Amino acid sequence: MHRALMTGMAALGVLLGVAALPAPARAETCDDLWYARNEIYKAQGYCFRTQRGISAFGNAGCQYDNVEDVPLSNSQRRSIAEIQREERARRCPR
Protein backbone atom coordinates (compact mmCIF):
# COMPACT_ATOMS: atom_id res chain seq x y z
CA MET A 1 0.00 0.00 0.00
CA HIS A 2 2.83 2.41 0.79
CA ARG A 3 4.18 1.91 -2.73
CA ALA A 4 0.75 2.62 -4.26
CA LEU A 5 0.47 5.82 -2.24
CA MET A 6 3.90 6.96 -3.43
CA THR A 7 3.01 6.16 -7.04
CA GLY A 8 -0.24 8.10 -6.73
CA MET A 9 1.56 11.08 -5.22
CA ALA A 10 4.15 11.01 -7.99
CA ALA A 11 1.39 10.98 -10.61
CA LEU A 12 -0.29 13.92 -8.90
CA GLY A 13 3.00 15.82 -8.95
CA VAL A 14 3.34 15.25 -12.66
CA LEU A 15 -0.22 16.44 -13.27
CA LEU A 16 0.27 19.54 -11.14
CA GLY A 17 3.51 20.29 -12.91
CA VAL A 18 1.82 20.16 -16.31
CA ALA A 19 -1.04 22.33 -15.08
CA ALA A 20 1.46 24.92 -13.86
CA LEU A 21 3.01 25.40 -17.29
CA PRO A 22 2.04 28.57 -19.17
CA ALA A 23 -0.67 28.12 -21.79
CA PRO A 24 1.66 28.24 -24.83
CA ALA A 25 3.83 25.46 -23.39
CA ARG A 26 0.75 23.22 -23.13
CA ALA A 27 -0.74 24.26 -26.46
CA GLU A 28 -0.52 21.63 -29.13
CA THR A 29 -2.00 23.55 -32.05
CA CYS A 30 -2.62 27.05 -33.34
CA ASP A 31 -6.25 26.56 -32.34
CA ASP A 32 -5.16 25.86 -28.76
CA LEU A 33 -3.14 29.08 -28.73
CA TRP A 34 -6.02 31.07 -30.22
CA TYR A 35 -8.42 29.69 -27.62
CA ALA A 36 -6.04 30.34 -24.69
CA ARG A 37 -5.47 33.96 -25.78
CA ASN A 38 -9.12 34.72 -26.35
CA GLU A 39 -10.17 32.99 -23.15
CA ILE A 40 -8.27 35.72 -21.29
CA TYR A 41 -10.11 38.44 -23.20
CA LYS A 42 -13.48 36.76 -22.63
CA ALA A 43 -12.88 36.54 -18.88
CA GLN A 44 -12.31 40.30 -18.83
CA GLY A 45 -15.44 41.21 -20.80
CA TYR A 46 -14.34 41.53 -24.41
CA CYS A 47 -17.10 41.57 -27.04
CA PHE A 48 -16.02 39.35 -29.92
CA ARG A 49 -16.59 40.53 -33.48
CA THR A 50 -15.62 37.48 -35.49
CA GLN A 51 -17.95 34.54 -36.00
CA ARG A 52 -15.22 32.27 -34.66
CA GLY A 53 -14.94 34.25 -31.42
CA ILE A 54 -18.69 34.56 -30.98
CA SER A 55 -19.19 30.84 -31.66
CA ALA A 56 -16.48 29.85 -29.18
CA PHE A 57 -17.21 32.32 -26.38
CA GLY A 58 -20.45 34.17 -27.08
CA ASN A 59 -20.94 37.79 -26.16
CA ALA A 60 -23.25 37.47 -23.16
CA GLY A 61 -22.17 39.95 -20.52
CA CYS A 62 -19.46 41.51 -22.67
CA GLN A 63 -18.51 45.10 -21.93
CA TYR A 64 -15.64 46.14 -24.21
CA ASP A 65 -15.87 46.46 -27.99
CA ASN A 66 -12.26 47.56 -28.38
CA VAL A 67 -9.55 45.10 -27.34
CA GLU A 68 -7.39 48.01 -26.13
CA ASP A 69 -10.09 48.94 -23.60
CA VAL A 70 -10.16 45.51 -21.94
CA PRO A 71 -8.76 45.84 -18.39
CA LEU A 72 -5.92 43.33 -18.19
CA SER A 73 -3.51 42.68 -15.35
CA ASN A 74 0.22 42.73 -16.03
CA SER A 75 0.20 38.94 -15.74
CA GLN A 76 -2.57 38.65 -18.33
CA ARG A 77 -0.72 41.03 -20.66
CA ARG A 78 2.43 38.91 -20.34
CA SER A 79 0.46 35.72 -21.04
CA ILE A 80 -1.15 37.23 -24.13
CA ALA A 81 2.23 38.48 -25.39
CA GLU A 82 3.75 35.04 -24.85
CA ILE A 83 0.88 33.36 -26.68
CA GLN A 84 1.19 35.82 -29.57
CA ARG A 85 4.94 35.17 -29.80
CA GLU A 86 4.24 31.45 -30.01
CA GLU A 87 1.52 32.03 -32.62
CA ARG A 88 4.01 33.99 -34.73
CA ALA A 89 6.72 31.36 -34.25
CA ARG A 90 4.30 28.66 -35.42
CA ARG A 91 3.06 30.90 -38.23
CA CYS A 92 -0.52 30.51 -37.09
CA PRO A 93 -3.15 32.17 -39.28
CA ARG A 94 -4.35 35.53 -38.03
C-alpha atoms as a PDB file:
ATOM      1  CA  MET A   1       0.000   0.000   0.000  1.00  0.00           C
ATOM      2  CA  HIS A   2       2.825   2.412   0.792  1.00  0.00           C
ATOM      3  CA  ARG A   3       4.180   1.914  -2.729  1.00  0.00           C
ATOM      4  CA  ALA A   4       0.745   2.618  -4.256  1.00  0.00           C
ATOM      5  CA  LEU A   5       0.470   5.823  -2.244  1.00  0.00           C
ATOM      6  CA  MET A   6       3.898   6.960  -3.427  1.00  0.00           C
ATOM      7  CA  THR A   7       3.010   6.160  -7.036  1.00  0.00           C
ATOM      8  CA  GLY A   8      -0.235   8.103  -6.735  1.00  0.00           C
ATOM      9  CA  MET A   9       1.555  11.084  -5.219  1.00  0.00           C
ATOM     10  CA  ALA A  10       4.151  11.013  -7.993  1.00  0.00           C
ATOM     11  CA  ALA A  11       1.395  10.975 -10.612  1.00  0.00           C
ATOM     12  CA  LEU A  12      -0.289  13.916  -8.898  1.00  0.00           C
ATOM     13  CA  GLY A  13       2.999  15.823  -8.952  1.00  0.00           C
ATOM     14  CA  VAL A  14       3.340  15.253 -12.663  1.00  0.00           C
ATOM     15  CA  LEU A  15      -0.215  16.440 -13.274  1.00  0.00           C
ATOM     16  CA  LEU A  16       0.266  19.540 -11.143  1.00  0.00           C
ATOM     17  CA  GLY A  17       3.514  20.292 -12.911  1.00  0.00           C
ATOM     18  CA  VAL A  18       1.824  20.159 -16.314  1.00  0.00           C
ATOM     19  CA  ALA A  19      -1.038  22.331 -15.078  1.00  0.00           C
ATOM     20  CA  ALA A  20       1.456  24.924 -13.859  1.00  0.00           C
ATOM     21  CA  LEU A  21       3.009  25.401 -17.289  1.00  0.00           C
ATOM     22  CA  PRO A  22       2.041  28.569 -19.168  1.00  0.00           C
ATOM     23  CA  ALA A  23      -0.666  28.121 -21.792  1.00  0.00           C
ATOM     24  CA  PRO A  24       1.662  28.237 -24.830  1.00  0.00           C
ATOM     25  CA  ALA A  25       3.830  25.464 -23.393  1.00  0.00           C
ATOM     26  CA  ARG A  26       0.752  23.217 -23.135  1.00  0.00           C
ATOM     27  CA  ALA A  27      -0.742  24.261 -26.458  1.00  0.00           C
ATOM     28  CA  GLU A  28      -0.516  21.629 -29.127  1.00  0.00           C
ATOM     29  CA  THR A  29      -2.004  23.554 -32.045  1.00  0.00           C
ATOM     30  CA  CYS A  30      -2.615  27.048 -33.337  1.00  0.00           C
ATOM     31  CA  ASP A  31      -6.251  26.560 -32.345  1.00  0.00           C
ATOM     32  CA  ASP A  32      -5.156  25.865 -28.755  1.00  0.00           C
ATOM     33  CA  LEU A  33      -3.143  29.080 -28.732  1.00  0.00           C
ATOM     34  CA  TRP A  34      -6.022  31.070 -30.225  1.00  0.00           C
ATOM     35  CA  TYR A  35      -8.415  29.688 -27.616  1.00  0.00           C
ATOM     36  CA  ALA A  36      -6.035  30.342 -24.692  1.00  0.00           C
ATOM     37  CA  ARG A  37      -5.471  33.960 -25.782  1.00  0.00           C
ATOM     38  CA  ASN A  38      -9.119  34.717 -26.355  1.00  0.00           C
ATOM     39  CA  GLU A  39     -10.175  32.992 -23.153  1.00  0.00           C
ATOM     40  CA  ILE A  40      -8.266  35.717 -21.290  1.00  0.00           C
ATOM     41  CA  TYR A  41     -10.106  38.437 -23.200  1.00  0.00           C
ATOM     42  CA  LYS A  42     -13.485  36.761 -22.627  1.00  0.00           C
ATOM     43  CA  ALA A  43     -12.879  36.543 -18.884  1.00  0.00           C
ATOM     44  CA  GLN A  44     -12.308  40.305 -18.834  1.00  0.00           C
ATOM     45  CA  GLY A  45     -15.439  41.209 -20.797  1.00  0.00           C
ATOM     46  CA  TYR A  46     -14.338  41.527 -24.411  1.00  0.00           C
ATOM     47  CA  CYS A  47     -17.102  41.566 -27.043  1.00  0.00           C
ATOM     48  CA  PHE A  48     -16.022  39.351 -29.921  1.00  0.00           C
ATOM     49  CA  ARG A  49     -16.587  40.528 -33.482  1.00  0.00           C
ATOM     50  CA  THR A  50     -15.623  37.479 -35.494  1.00  0.00           C
ATOM     51  CA  GLN A  51     -17.946  34.535 -35.996  1.00  0.00           C
ATOM     52  CA  ARG A  52     -15.224  32.271 -34.656  1.00  0.00           C
ATOM     53  CA  GLY A  53     -14.942  34.247 -31.416  1.00  0.00           C
ATOM     54  CA  ILE A  54     -18.692  34.557 -30.977  1.00  0.00           C
ATOM     55  CA  SER A  55     -19.187  30.844 -31.661  1.00  0.00           C
ATOM     56  CA  ALA A  56     -16.481  29.851 -29.179  1.00  0.00           C
ATOM     57  CA  PHE A  57     -17.213  32.317 -26.382  1.00  0.00           C
ATOM     58  CA  GLY A  58     -20.446  34.166 -27.084  1.00  0.00           C
ATOM     59  CA  ASN A  59     -20.938  37.790 -26.162  1.00  0.00           C
ATOM     60  CA  ALA A  60     -23.247  37.470 -23.158  1.00  0.00           C
ATOM     61  CA  GLY A  61     -22.169  39.951 -20.520  1.00  0.00           C
ATOM     62  CA  CYS A  62     -19.462  41.507 -22.674  1.00  0.00           C
ATOM     63  CA  GLN A  63     -18.512  45.104 -21.926  1.00  0.00           C
ATOM     64  CA  TYR A  64     -15.644  46.136 -24.206  1.00  0.00           C
ATOM     65  CA  ASP A  65     -15.870  46.455 -27.991  1.00  0.00           C
ATOM     66  CA  ASN A  66     -12.261  47.563 -28.379  1.00  0.00           C
ATOM     67  CA  VAL A  67      -9.551  45.099 -27.337  1.00  0.00           C
ATOM     68  CA  GLU A  68      -7.387  48.006 -26.127  1.00  0.00           C
ATOM     69  CA  ASP A  69     -10.094  48.941 -23.597  1.00  0.00           C
ATOM     70  CA  VAL A  70     -10.164  45.507 -21.938  1.00  0.00           C
ATOM     71  CA  PRO A  71      -8.763  45.835 -18.392  1.00  0.00           C
ATOM     72  CA  LEU A  72      -5.922  43.331 -18.189  1.00  0.00           C
ATOM     73  CA  SER A  73      -3.510  42.684 -15.347  1.00  0.00           C
ATOM     74  CA  ASN A  74       0.219  42.730 -16.026  1.00  0.00           C
ATOM     75  CA  SER A  75       0.204  38.937 -15.742  1.00  0.00           C
ATOM     76  CA  GLN A  76      -2.566  38.653 -18.333  1.00  0.00           C
ATOM     77  CA  ARG A  77      -0.717  41.027 -20.664  1.00  0.00           C
ATOM     78  CA  ARG A  78       2.431  38.905 -20.344  1.00  0.00           C
ATOM     79  CA  SER A  79       0.461  35.725 -21.037  1.00  0.00           C
ATOM     80  CA  ILE A  80      -1.152  37.229 -24.127  1.00  0.00           C
ATOM     81  CA  ALA A  81       2.225  38.480 -25.389  1.00  0.00           C
ATOM     82  CA  GLU A  82       3.753  35.036 -24.846  1.00  0.00           C
ATOM     83  CA  ILE A  83       0.885  33.357 -26.676  1.00  0.00           C
ATOM     84  CA  GLN A  84       1.188  35.821 -29.567  1.00  0.00           C
ATOM     85  CA  ARG A  85       4.941  35.166 -29.797  1.00  0.00           C
ATOM     86  CA  GLU A  86       4.238  31.447 -30.006  1.00  0.00           C
ATOM     87  CA  GLU A  87       1.523  32.032 -32.620  1.00  0.00           C
ATOM     88  CA  ARG A  88       4.010  33.988 -34.730  1.00  0.00           C
ATOM     89  CA  ALA A  89       6.722  31.359 -34.253  1.00  0.00           C
ATOM     90  CA  ARG A  90       4.302  28.658 -35.423  1.00  0.00           C
ATOM     91  CA  ARG A  91       3.056  30.899 -38.229  1.00  0.00           C
ATOM     92  CA  CYS A  92      -0.523  30.512 -37.088  1.00  0.00           C
ATOM     93  CA  PRO A  93      -3.151  32.166 -39.285  1.00  0.00           C
ATOM     94  CA  ARG A  94      -4.345  35.531 -38.031  1.00  0.00           C
END
